[in-house]
Amino acid sequence: MKIYGLKNCDTCRKAAKALPAAELVDIRATPLEPALRQAAHARFGAALLNTRSTTWRGLDDAERSRPALDLLADHPALMKRPLIVDDQGALHLGWGKDVQAALLGK
């Protein structure tokens, strides 16, 4: 299982602590592979882009109007976090109660 996020993100750290067998991959140091980015975008659509982030607020209107996949390639921190790929290859976004229930069986 892999958790894609930021090592200094509280939510990512909570997910990593709850899933000790999972590997936390810092997307600033190791950006998502294009195929995974495309699969996540196909699965979650606009929800994959964190429009409440500091990074988003720092972008001008021209930059914000670019396609989401291009923005995520150039600004990995714009991705909603964490993106979790479980052992069966299923994608999960965030660390809400639904994701916790799916991964922890609670």
PDB file of N, CA and C in Angstrom:
ATOM      1  N   MET A   1       0.851  -1.169   0.000  1.00  0.00           N
ATOM      2  CA  MET A   1       0.000   0.000   0.000  1.00  0.00           C
ATOM      3  C   MET A   1       0.901   1.237   0.000  1.00  0.00           C
ATOM      4  N   LYS A   2       0.492   2.237  -0.757  1.00  0.00           N
ATOM      5  CA  LYS A   2       1.248   3.487  -0.815  1.00  0.00           C
ATOM      6  C   LYS A   2       0.334   4.659  -0.516  1.00  0.00           C
ATOM      7  N   ILE A   3       0.883   5.596   0.241  1.00  0.00           N
ATOM      8  CA  ILE A   3       0.187   6.834   0.555  1.00  0.00           C
ATOM      9  C   ILE A   3       0.953   7.947  -0.142  1.00  0.00           C
ATOM     10  N   TYR A   4       0.308   8.623  -1.073  1.00  0.00           N
ATOM     11  CA  TYR A   4       0.931   9.737  -1.780  1.00  0.00           C
ATOM     12  C   TYR A   4       0.445  11.028  -1.148  1.00  0.00           C
ATOM     13  N   GLY A   5       1.387  11.829  -0.684  1.00  0.00           N
ATOM     14  CA  GLY A   5       1.047  13.086  -0.029  1.00  0.00           C
ATOM     15  C   GLY A   5       2.300  13.871   0.273  1.00  0.00           C
ATOM     16  N   LEU A   6       2.235  14.652   1.330  1.00  0.00           N
ATOM     17  CA  LEU A   6       3.378  15.454   1.754  1.00  0.00           C
ATOM     18  C   LEU A   6       3.798  15.002   3.144  1.00  0.00           C
ATOM     19  N   LYS A   7       5.108  14.887   3.353  1.00  0.00           N
ATOM     20  CA  LYS A   7       5.587  14.382   4.642  1.00  0.00           C
ATOM     21  C   LYS A   7       5.243  15.313   5.802  1.00  0.00           C
ATOM     22  N   ASN A   8       5.007  16.604   5.517  1.00  0.00           N
ATOM     23  CA  ASN A   8       4.671  17.540   6.592  1.00  0.00           C
ATOM     24  C   ASN A   8       3.174  17.822   6.692  1.00  0.00           C
ATOM     25  N   CYS A   9       2.354  17.050   5.987  1.00  0.00           N
ATOM     26  CA  CYS A   9       0.896  17.201   6.020  1.00  0.00           C
ATOM     27  C   CYS A   9       0.344  16.379   7.186  1.00  0.00           C
ATOM     28  N   ASP A  10      -0.394  17.028   8.071  1.00  0.00           N
ATOM     29  CA  ASP A  10      -0.950  16.335   9.234  1.00  0.00           C
ATOM     30  C   ASP A  10      -1.859  15.176   8.844  1.00  0.00           C
ATOM     31  N   THR A  11      -2.690  15.384   7.842  1.00  0.00           N
ATOM     32  CA  THR A  11      -3.616  14.333   7.417  1.00  0.00           C
ATOM     33  C   THR A  11      -2.853  13.134   6.862  1.00  0.00           C
ATOM     34  N   CYS A  12      -1.810  13.388   6.101  1.00  0.00           N
ATOM     35  CA  CYS A  12      -0.998  12.292   5.552  1.00  0.00           C
ATOM     36  C   CYS A  12      -0.302  11.529   6.673  1.00  0.00           C
ATOM     37  N   ARG A  13       0.176  12.263   7.670  1.00  0.00           N
ATOM     38  CA  ARG A  13       0.837  11.601   8.809  1.00  0.00           C
ATOM     39  C   ARG A  13      -0.156  10.748   9.595  1.00  0.00           C
ATOM     40  N   LYS A  14      -1.389  11.225   9.757  1.00  0.00           N
ATOM     41  CA  LYS A  14      -2.420  10.436  10.451  1.00  0.00           C
ATOM     42  C   LYS A  14      -2.688   9.135   9.687  1.00  0.00           C
ATOM     43  N   ALA A  15      -2.808   9.241   8.376  1.00  0.00           N
ATOM     44  CA  ALA A  15      -3.052   8.054   7.554  1.00  0.00           C
ATOM     45  C   ALA A  15      -1.880   7.079   7.659  1.00  0.00           C
ATOM     46  N   ALA A  16      -0.655   7.598   7.611  1.00  0.00           N
ATOM     47  CA  ALA A  16       0.531   6.743   7.695  1.00  0.00           C
ATOM     48  C   ALA A  16       0.621   6.052   9.058  1.00  0.00           C
ATOM     49  N   LYS A  17       0.238   6.763  10.102  1.00  0.00           N
ATOM     50  CA  LYS A  17       0.271   6.177  11.447  1.00  0.00           C
ATOM     51  C   LYS A  17      -0.777   5.065  11.571  1.00  0.00           C
ATOM     52  N   ALA A  18      -1.963   5.277  10.995  1.00  0.00           N
ATOM     53  CA  ALA A  18      -3.028   4.278  11.059  1.00  0.00           C
ATOM     54  C   ALA A  18      -2.746   3.083  10.154  1.00  0.00           C
ATOM     55  N   LEU A  19      -1.912   3.284   9.134  1.00  0.00           N
ATOM     56  CA  LEU A  19      -1.576   2.227   8.170  1.00  0.00           C
ATOM     57  C   LEU A  19      -0.061   1.992   8.212  1.00  0.00           C
ATOM     58  N   PRO A  20       0.458   1.388   9.289  1.00  0.00           N
ATOM     59  CA  PRO A  20       1.911   1.271   9.458  1.00  0.00           C
ATOM     60  C   PRO A  20       2.629   0.483   8.356  1.00  0.00           C
ATOM     61  N   ALA A  21       1.923  -0.390   7.658  1.00  0.00           N
ATOM     62  CA  ALA A  21       2.558  -1.162   6.588  1.00  0.00           C
ATOM     63  C   ALA A  21       2.663  -0.366   5.292  1.00  0.00           C
ATOM     64  N   ALA A  22       1.998   0.787   5.236  1.00  0.00           N
ATOM     65  CA  ALA A  22       1.990   1.594   4.016  1.00  0.00           C
ATOM     66  C   ALA A  22       3.247   2.456   3.926  1.00  0.00           C
ATOM     67  N   GLU A  23       3.649   2.725   2.697  1.00  0.00           N
ATOM     68  CA  GLU A  23       4.799   3.596   2.433  1.00  0.00           C
ATOM     69  C   GLU A  23       4.282   4.989   2.099  1.00  0.00           C
ATOM     70  N   LEU A  24       4.792   6.009   2.810  1.00  0.00           N
ATOM     71  CA  LEU A  24       4.416   7.395   2.525  1.00  0.00           C
ATOM     72  C   LEU A  24       5.368   7.946   1.473  1.00  0.00           C
ATOM     73  N   VAL A  25       4.828   8.339   0.337  1.00  0.00           N
ATOM     74  CA  VAL A  25       5.622   8.885  -0.770  1.00  0.00           C
ATOM     75  C   VAL A  25       5.362  10.386  -0.823  1.00  0.00           C
ATOM     76  N   ASP A  26       6.406  11.186  -0.583  1.00  0.00           N
ATOM     77  CA  ASP A  26       6.283  12.645  -0.639  1.00  0.00           C
ATOM     78  C   ASP A  26       6.244  13.078  -2.099  1.00  0.00           C
ATOM     79  N   ILE A  27       5.113  13.646  -2.512  1.00  0.00           N
ATOM     80  CA  ILE A  27       4.933  13.973  -3.923  1.00  0.00           C
ATOM     81  C   ILE A  27       5.754  15.180  -4.366  1.00  0.00           C
ATOM     82  N   ARG A  28       6.314  15.923  -3.424  1.00  0.00           N
ATOM     83  CA  ARG A  28       7.223  17.007  -3.834  1.00  0.00           C
ATOM     84  C   ARG A  28       8.570  16.428  -4.227  1.00  0.00           C
ATOM     85  N   ALA A  29       9.021  15.407  -3.500  1.00  0.00           N
ATOM     86  CA  ALA A  29      10.308  14.773  -3.796  1.00  0.00           C
ATOM     87  C   ALA A  29      10.183  13.768  -4.938  1.00  0.00           C
ATOM     88  N   THR A  30       9.059  13.057  -4.976  1.00  0.00           N
ATOM     89  CA  THR A  30       8.827  12.035  -5.992  1.00  0.00           C
ATOM     90  C   THR A  30       7.437  12.269  -6.584  1.00  0.00           C
ATOM     91  N   PRO A  31       7.340  13.094  -7.626  1.00  0.00           N
ATOM     92  CA  PRO A  31       6.017  13.387  -8.218  1.00  0.00           C
ATOM     93  C   PRO A  31       5.309  12.124  -8.701  1.00  0.00           C
ATOM     94  N   LEU A  32       3.991  12.191  -8.742  1.00  0.00           N
ATOM     95  CA  LEU A  32       3.196  11.061  -9.230  1.00  0.00           C
ATOM     96  C   LEU A  32       3.586  10.729 -10.663  1.00  0.00           C
ATOM     97  N   GLU A  33       3.601   9.441 -10.962  1.00  0.00           N
ATOM     98  CA  GLU A  33       3.824   9.016 -12.341  1.00  0.00           C
ATOM     99  C   GLU A  33       2.613   9.456 -13.168  1.00  0.00           C
ATOM    100  N   PRO A  34       2.827   9.838 -14.427  1.00  0.00           N
ATOM    101  CA  PRO A  34       1.707  10.297 -15.255  1.00  0.00           C
ATOM    102  C   PRO A  34       0.535   9.318 -15.300  1.00  0.00           C
ATOM    103  N   ALA A  35       0.808   8.013 -15.364  1.00  0.00           N
ATOM    104  CA  ALA A  35      -0.280   7.032 -15.437  1.00  0.00           C
ATOM    105  C   ALA A  35      -1.122   7.038 -14.161  1.00  0.00           C
ATOM    106  N   LEU A  36      -0.474   7.160 -13.009  1.00  0.00           N
ATOM    107  CA  LEU A  36      -1.211   7.208 -11.744  1.00  0.00           C
ATOM    108  C   LEU A  36      -1.985   8.510 -11.620  1.00  0.00           C
ATOM    109  N   ARG A  37      -1.380   9.607 -12.049  1.00  0.00           N
ATOM    110  CA  ARG A  37      -2.059  10.910 -12.018  1.00  0.00           C
ATOM    111  C   ARG A  37      -3.317  10.865 -12.896  1.00  0.00           C
ATOM    112  N   GLN A  38      -3.201  10.259 -14.082  1.00  0.00           N
ATOM    113  CA  GLN A  38      -4.346  10.150 -14.989  1.00  0.00           C
ATOM    114  C   GLN A  38      -5.424   9.233 -14.414  1.00  0.00           C
ATOM    115  N   ALA A  39      -5.021   8.122 -13.810  1.00  0.00           N
ATOM    116  CA  ALA A  39      -5.988   7.196 -13.214  1.00  0.00           C
ATOM    117  C   ALA A  39      -6.724   7.866 -12.054  1.00  0.00           C
ATOM    118  N   ALA A  40      -5.989   8.609 -11.237  1.00  0.00           N
ATOM    119  CA  ALA A  40      -6.611   9.305 -10.106  1.00  0.00           C
ATOM    120  C   ALA A  40      -7.569  10.378 -10.606  1.00  0.00           C
ATOM    121  N   HIS A  41      -7.182  11.080 -11.646  1.00  0.00           N
ATOM    122  CA  HIS A  41      -8.055  12.119 -12.195  1.00  0.00           C
ATOM    123  C   HIS A  41      -9.307  11.496 -12.815  1.00  0.00           C
ATOM    124  N   ALA A  42      -9.145  10.367 -13.488  1.00  0.00           N
ATOM    125  CA  ALA A  42     -10.299   9.680 -14.073  1.00  0.00           C
ATOM    126  C   ALA A  42     -11.251   9.209 -12.976  1.00  0.00           C
ATOM    127  N   ARG A  43     -10.708   8.785 -11.847  1.00  0.00           N
ATOM    128  CA  ARG A  43     -11.533   8.264 -10.740  1.00  0.00           C
ATOM    129  C   ARG A  43     -12.196   9.384  -9.936  1.00  0.00           C
ATOM    130  N   PHE A  44     -11.448  10.465  -9.636  1.00  0.00           N
ATOM    131  CA  PHE A  44     -11.944  11.493  -8.717  1.00  0.00           C
ATOM    132  C   PHE A  44     -12.298  12.820  -9.385  1.00  0.00           C
ATOM    133  N   GLY A  45     -11.888  13.014 -10.626  1.00  0.00           N
ATOM    134  CA  GLY A  45     -12.217  14.243 -11.348  1.00  0.00           C
ATOM    135  C   GLY A  45     -11.729  15.494 -10.636  1.00  0.00           C
ATOM    136  N   ALA A  46     -12.590  16.501 -10.574  1.00  0.00           N
ATOM    137  CA  ALA A  46     -12.229  17.792  -9.986  1.00  0.00           C
ATOM    138  C   ALA A  46     -11.874  17.697  -8.511  1.00  0.00           C
ATOM    139  N   ALA A  47     -12.338  16.661  -7.824  1.00  0.00           N
ATOM    140  CA  ALA A  47     -12.042  16.508  -6.389  1.00  0.00           C
ATOM    141  C   ALA A  47     -10.553  16.276  -6.139  1.00  0.00           C
ATOM    142  N   LEU A  48      -9.816  15.865  -7.155  1.00  0.00           N
ATOM    143  CA  LEU A  48      -8.385  15.622  -7.001  1.00  0.00           C
ATOM    144  C   LEU A  48      -7.606  16.916  -6.808  1.00  0.00           C
ATOM    145  N   LEU A  49      -8.151  18.014  -7.280  1.00  0.00           N
ATOM    146  CA  LEU A  49      -7.484  19.317  -7.196  1.00  0.00           C
ATOM    147  C   LEU A  49      -7.933  20.036  -5.924  1.00  0.00           C
ATOM    148  N   ASN A  50      -6.986  20.392  -5.079  1.00  0.00           N
ATOM    149  CA  ASN A  50      -7.296  21.078  -3.824  1.00  0.00           C
ATOM    150  C   ASN A  50      -7.334  22.581  -4.073  1.00  0.00           C
ATOM    151  N   THR A  51      -8.529  23.111  -4.263  1.00  0.00           N
ATOM    152  CA  THR A  51      -8.675  24.533  -4.572  1.00  0.00           C
ATOM    153  C   THR A  51      -8.742  25.400  -3.319  1.00  0.00           C
ATOM    154  N   ARG A  52      -8.541  24.793  -2.152  1.00  0.00           N
ATOM    155  CA  ARG A  52      -8.488  25.578  -0.914  1.00  0.00           C
ATOM    156  C   ARG A  52      -7.061  25.726  -0.400  1.00  0.00           C
ATOM    157  N   SER A  53      -6.096  25.221  -1.161  1.00  0.00           N
ATOM    158  CA  SER A  53      -4.706  25.233  -0.703  1.00  0.00           C
ATOM    159  C   SER A  53      -4.038  26.585  -0.914  1.00  0.00           C
ATOM    160  N   THR A  54      -2.961  26.783  -0.190  1.00  0.00           N
ATOM    161  CA  THR A  54      -2.154  27.985  -0.332  1.00  0.00           C
ATOM    162  C   THR A  54      -1.568  28.063  -1.739  1.00  0.00           C
ATOM    163  N   THR A  55      -1.186  26.926  -2.271  1.00  0.00           N
ATOM    164  CA  THR A  55      -0.630  26.887  -3.628  1.00  0.00           C
ATOM    165  C   THR A  55      -1.657  27.393  -4.627  1.00  0.00           C
ATOM    166  N   TRP A  56      -2.909  26.941  -4.511  1.00  0.00           N
ATOM    167  CA  TRP A  56      -3.976  27.372  -5.422  1.00  0.00           C
ATOM    168  C   TRP A  56      -4.184  28.877  -5.319  1.00  0.00           C
ATOM    169  N   ARG A  57      -4.225  29.389  -4.109  1.00  0.00           N
ATOM    170  CA  ARG A  57      -4.460  30.829  -3.918  1.00  0.00           C
ATOM    171  C   ARG A  57      -3.330  31.667  -4.501  1.00  0.00           C
ATOM    172  N   GLY A  58      -2.148  31.082  -4.638  1.00  0.00           N
ATOM    173  CA  GLY A  58      -1.008  31.799  -5.204  1.00  0.00           C
ATOM    174  C   GLY A  58      -0.974  31.814  -6.721  1.00  0.00           C
ATOM    175  N   LEU A  59      -1.875  31.072  -7.363  1.00  0.00           N
ATOM    176  CA  LEU A  59      -1.903  31.014  -8.827  1.00  0.00           C
ATOM    177  C   LEU A  59      -2.757  32.139  -9.394  1.00  0.00           C
ATOM    178  N   ASP A  60      -2.329  32.668 -10.550  1.00  0.00           N
ATOM    179  CA  ASP A  60      -3.150  33.687 -11.205  1.00  0.00           C
ATOM    180  C   ASP A  60      -4.256  33.001 -12.017  1.00  0.00           C
ATOM    181  N   ASP A  61      -5.185  33.784 -12.544  1.00  0.00           N
ATOM    182  CA  ASP A  61      -6.339  33.230 -13.261  1.00  0.00           C
ATOM    183  C   ASP A  61      -5.933  32.428 -14.490  1.00  0.00           C
ATOM    184  N   ALA A  62      -4.895  32.874 -15.182  1.00  0.00           N
ATOM    185  CA  ALA A  62      -4.447  32.154 -16.373  1.00  0.00           C
ATOM    186  C   ALA A  62      -3.931  30.768 -15.987  1.00  0.00           C
ATOM    187  N   GLU A  63      -3.188  30.703 -14.910  1.00  0.00           N
ATOM    188  CA  GLU A  63      -2.652  29.425 -14.443  1.00  0.00           C
ATOM    189  C   GLU A  63      -3.791  28.503 -13.977  1.00  0.00           C
ATOM    190  N   ARG A  64      -4.754  29.049 -13.255  1.00  0.00           N
ATOM    191  CA  ARG A  64      -5.882  28.260 -12.746  1.00  0.00           C
ATOM    192  C   ARG A  64      -6.744  27.684 -13.863  1.00  0.00           C
ATOM    193  N   SER A  65      -6.755  28.331 -15.022  1.00  0.00           N
ATOM    194  CA  SER A  65      -7.601  27.868 -16.124  1.00  0.00           C
ATOM    195  C   SER A  65      -6.955  26.714 -16.908  1.00  0.00           C
ATOM    196  N   ARG A  66      -5.723  26.367 -16.586  1.00  0.00           N
ATOM    197  CA  ARG A  66      -5.053  25.253 -17.269  1.00  0.00           C
ATOM    198  C   ARG A  66      -5.710  23.926 -16.892  1.00  0.00           C
ATOM    199  N   PRO A  67      -5.545  22.894 -17.717  1.00  0.00           N
ATOM    200  CA  PRO A  67      -6.103  21.576 -17.387  1.00  0.00           C
ATOM    201  C   PRO A  67      -5.552  21.046 -16.057  1.00  0.00           C
ATOM    202  N   ALA A  68      -6.394  20.364 -15.308  1.00  0.00           N
ATOM    203  CA  ALA A  68      -6.030  19.871 -13.970  1.00  0.00           C
ATOM    204  C   ALA A  68      -4.784  18.984 -13.994  1.00  0.00           C
ATOM    205  N   LEU A  69      -4.670  18.112 -14.985  1.00  0.00           N
ATOM    206  CA  LEU A  69      -3.508  17.222 -15.038  1.00  0.00           C
ATOM    207  C   LEU A  69      -2.210  17.996 -15.234  1.00  0.00           C
ATOM    208  N   ASP A  70      -2.253  19.060 -16.030  1.00  0.00           N
ATOM    209  CA  ASP A  70      -1.068  19.895 -16.228  1.00  0.00           C
ATOM    210  C   ASP A  70      -0.707  20.622 -14.940  1.00  0.00           C
ATOM    211  N   LEU A  71      -1.716  21.146 -14.251  1.00  0.00           N
ATOM    212  CA  LEU A  71      -1.473  21.832 -12.983  1.00  0.00           C
ATOM    213  C   LEU A  71      -0.855  20.887 -11.957  1.00  0.00           C
ATOM    214  N   LEU A  72      -1.384  19.670 -11.867  1.00  0.00           N
ATOM    215  CA  LEU A  72      -0.849  18.704 -10.907  1.00  0.00           C
ATOM    216  C   LEU A  72       0.569  18.272 -11.248  1.00  0.00           C
ATOM    217  N   ALA A  73       0.892  18.233 -12.534  1.00  0.00           N
ATOM    218  CA  ALA A  73       2.260  17.892 -12.937  1.00  0.00           C
ATOM    219  C   ALA A  73       3.229  18.998 -12.522  1.00  0.00           C
ATOM    220  N   ASP A  74       2.802  20.256 -12.683  1.00  0.00           N
ATOM    221  CA  ASP A  74       3.674  21.391 -12.361  1.00  0.00           C
ATOM    222  C   ASP A  74       3.668  21.761 -10.884  1.00  0.00           C
ATOM    223  N   HIS A  75       2.558  21.501 -10.198  1.00  0.00           N
ATOM    224  CA  HIS A  75       2.402  21.878  -8.794  1.00  0.00           C
ATOM    225  C   HIS A  75       1.843  20.682  -8.015  1.00  0.00           C
ATOM    226  N   PRO A  76       2.693  19.718  -7.649  1.00  0.00           N
ATOM    227  CA  PRO A  76       2.201  18.508  -6.977  1.00  0.00           C
ATOM    228  C   PRO A  76       1.420  18.795  -5.689  1.00  0.00           C
ATOM    229  N   ALA A  77       1.740  19.882  -4.999  1.00  0.00           N
ATOM    230  CA  ALA A  77       1.058  20.197  -3.740  1.00  0.00           C
ATOM    231  C   ALA A  77      -0.407  20.576  -3.949  1.00  0.00           C
ATOM    232  N   LEU A  78      -0.837  20.762  -5.199  1.00  0.00           N
ATOM    233  CA  LEU A  78      -2.244  21.065  -5.477  1.00  0.00           C
ATOM    234  C   LEU A  78      -3.149  19.838  -5.340  1.00  0.00           C
ATOM    235  N   MET A  79      -2.549  18.661  -5.240  1.00  0.00           N
ATOM    236  CA  MET A  79      -3.349  17.449  -5.135  1.00  0.00           C
ATOM    237  C   MET A  79      -3.979  17.355  -3.749  1.00  0.00           C
ATOM    238  N   LYS A  80      -5.259  17.010  -3.717  1.00  0.00           N
ATOM    239  CA  LYS A  80      -5.891  16.737  -2.430  1.00  0.00           C
ATOM    240  C   LYS A  80      -5.181  15.529  -1.837  1.00  0.00           C
ATOM    241  N   ARG A  81      -4.974  15.558  -0.536  1.00  0.00           N
ATOM    242  CA  ARG A  81      -4.162  14.519   0.092  1.00  0.00           C
ATOM    243  C   ARG A  81      -4.915  13.846   1.229  1.00  0.00           C
ATOM    244  N   PRO A  82      -4.499  12.631   1.508  1.00  0.00           N
ATOM    245  CA  PRO A  82      -3.596  11.774   0.741  1.00  0.00           C
ATOM    246  C   PRO A  82      -4.334  11.015  -0.373  1.00  0.00           C
ATOM    247  N   LEU A  83      -3.560  10.586  -1.340  1.00  0.00           N
ATOM    248  CA  LEU A  83      -4.035   9.658  -2.360  1.00  0.00           C
ATOM    249  C   LEU A  83      -3.457   8.308  -1.961  1.00  0.00           C
ATOM    250  N   ILE A  84      -4.320   7.348  -1.704  1.00  0.00           N
ATOM    251  CA  ILE A  84      -3.871   6.044  -1.216  1.00  0.00           C
ATOM    252  C   ILE A  84      -4.180   4.981  -2.260  1.00  0.00           C
ATOM    253  N   VAL A  85      -3.163   4.189  -2.567  1.00  0.00           N
ATOM    254  CA  VAL A  85      -3.327   3.053  -3.466  1.00  0.00           C
ATOM    255  C   VAL A  85      -3.219   1.811  -2.594  1.00  0.00           C
ATOM    256  N   ASP A  86      -4.333   1.067  -2.461  1.00  0.00           N
ATOM    257  CA  ASP A  86      -4.309  -0.102  -1.579  1.00  0.00           C
ATOM    258  C   ASP A  86      -3.670  -1.297  -2.282  1.00  0.00           C
ATOM    259  N   ASP A  87      -3.594  -2.408  -1.565  1.00  0.00           N
ATOM    260  CA  ASP A  87      -2.903  -3.592  -2.079  1.00  0.00           C
ATOM    261  C   ASP A  87      -3.586  -4.205  -3.304  1.00  0.00           C
ATOM    262  N   GLN A  88      -4.867  -3.888  -3.507  1.00  0.00           N
ATOM    263  CA  GLN A  88      -5.575  -4.386  -4.689  1.00  0.00           C
ATOM    264  C   GLN A  88      -5.504  -3.397  -5.847  1.00  0.00           C
ATOM    265  N   GLY A  89      -4.845  -2.257  -5.635  1.00  0.00           N
ATOM    266  CA  GLY A  89      -4.719  -1.250  -6.677  1.00  0.00           C
ATOM    267  C   GLY A  89      -5.846  -0.239  -6.701  1.00  0.00           C
ATOM    268  N   ALA A  90      -6.777  -0.333  -5.740  1.00  0.00           N
ATOM    269  CA  ALA A  90      -7.884   0.624  -5.680  1.00  0.00           C
ATOM    270  C   ALA A  90      -7.379   1.964  -5.158  1.00  0.00           C
ATOM    271  N   LEU A  91      -7.955   3.050  -5.669  1.00  0.00           N
ATOM    272  CA  LEU A  91      -7.556   4.397  -5.272  1.00  0.00           C
ATOM    273  C   LEU A  91      -8.533   4.961  -4.251  1.00  0.00           C
ATOM    274  N   HIS A  92      -7.983   5.644  -3.257  1.00  0.00           N
ATOM    275  CA  HIS A  92      -8.772   6.308  -2.222  1.00  0.00           C
ATOM    276  C   HIS A  92      -8.225   7.719  -2.082  1.00  0.00           C
ATOM    277  N   LEU A  93      -9.117   8.694  -1.886  1.00  0.00           N
ATOM    278  CA  LEU A  93      -8.693  10.082  -1.785  1.00  0.00           C
ATOM    279  C   LEU A  93      -9.143  10.664  -0.455  1.00  0.00           C
ATOM    280  N   GLY A  94      -8.206  11.275   0.249  1.00  0.00           N
ATOM    281  CA  GLY A  94      -8.501  11.888   1.536  1.00  0.00           C
ATOM    282  C   GLY A  94      -8.366  10.882   2.657  1.00  0.00           C
ATOM    283  N   TRP A  95      -8.722  11.323   3.869  1.00  0.00           N
ATOM    284  CA  TRP A  95      -8.652  10.450   5.036  1.00  0.00           C
ATOM    285  C   TRP A  95      -9.924  10.619   5.864  1.00  0.00           C
ATOM    286  N   GLY A  96     -11.042  10.632   5.154  1.00  0.00           N
ATOM    287  CA  GLY A  96     -12.339  10.744   5.819  1.00  0.00           C
ATOM    288  C   GLY A  96     -12.781   9.410   6.384  1.00  0.00           C
ATOM    289  N   LYS A  97     -13.907   9.410   7.034  1.00  0.00           N
ATOM    290  CA  LYS A  97     -14.439   8.195   7.665  1.00  0.00           C
ATOM    291  C   LYS A  97     -14.692   7.092   6.643  1.00  0.00           C
ATOM    292  N   ASP A  98     -15.102   7.465   5.421  1.00  0.00           N
ATOM    293  CA  ASP A  98     -15.342   6.451   4.397  1.00  0.00           C
ATOM    294  C   ASP A  98     -14.067   5.733   3.996  1.00  0.00           C
ATOM    295  N   VAL A  99     -12.971   6.489   3.837  1.00  0.00           N
ATOM    296  CA  VAL A  99     -11.686   5.889   3.465  1.00  0.00           C
ATOM    297  C   VAL A  99     -11.158   5.053   4.630  1.00  0.00           C
ATOM    298  N   GLN A 100     -11.274   5.567   5.836  1.00  0.00           N
ATOM    299  CA  GLN A 100     -10.815   4.815   7.004  1.00  0.00           C
ATOM    300  C   GLN A 100     -11.576   3.498   7.130  1.00  0.00           C
ATOM    301  N   ALA A 101     -12.881   3.541   6.906  1.00  0.00           N
ATOM    302  CA  ALA A 101     -13.679   2.330   6.985  1.00  0.00           C
ATOM    303  C   ALA A 101     -13.263   1.316   5.923  1.00  0.00           C
ATOM    304  N   ALA A 102     -12.998   1.810   4.720  1.00  0.00           N
ATOM    305  CA  ALA A 102     -12.604   0.919   3.626  1.00  0.00           C
ATOM    306  C   ALA A 102     -11.244   0.270   3.889  1.00  0.00           C
ATOM    307  N   LEU A 103     -10.323   1.037   4.471  1.00  0.00           N
ATOM    308  CA  LEU A 103      -8.958   0.524   4.640  1.00  0.00           C
ATOM    309  C   LEU A 103      -8.695  -0.127   5.999  1.00  0.00           C
ATOM    310  N   LEU A 104      -9.430   0.303   7.009  1.00  0.00           N
ATOM    311  CA  LEU A 104      -9.209  -0.225   8.348  1.00  0.00           C
ATOM    312  C   LEU A 104     -10.316  -1.176   8.794  1.00  0.00           C
ATOM    313  N   GLY A 105     -11.394  -1.222   8.032  1.00  0.00           N
ATOM    314  CA  GLY A 105     -12.500  -2.082   8.378  1.00  0.00           C
ATOM    315  C   GLY A 105     -13.292  -1.614   9.589  1.00  0.00           C
ATOM    316  N   LYS A 106     -13.238  -0.322   9.858  1.00  0.00           N
ATOM    317  CA  LYS A 106     -13.967   0.224  11.027  1.00  0.00           C
ATOM    318  C   LYS A 106     -15.292   0.794  10.616  1.00  0.00           C
TER     319      LYS A 106
END
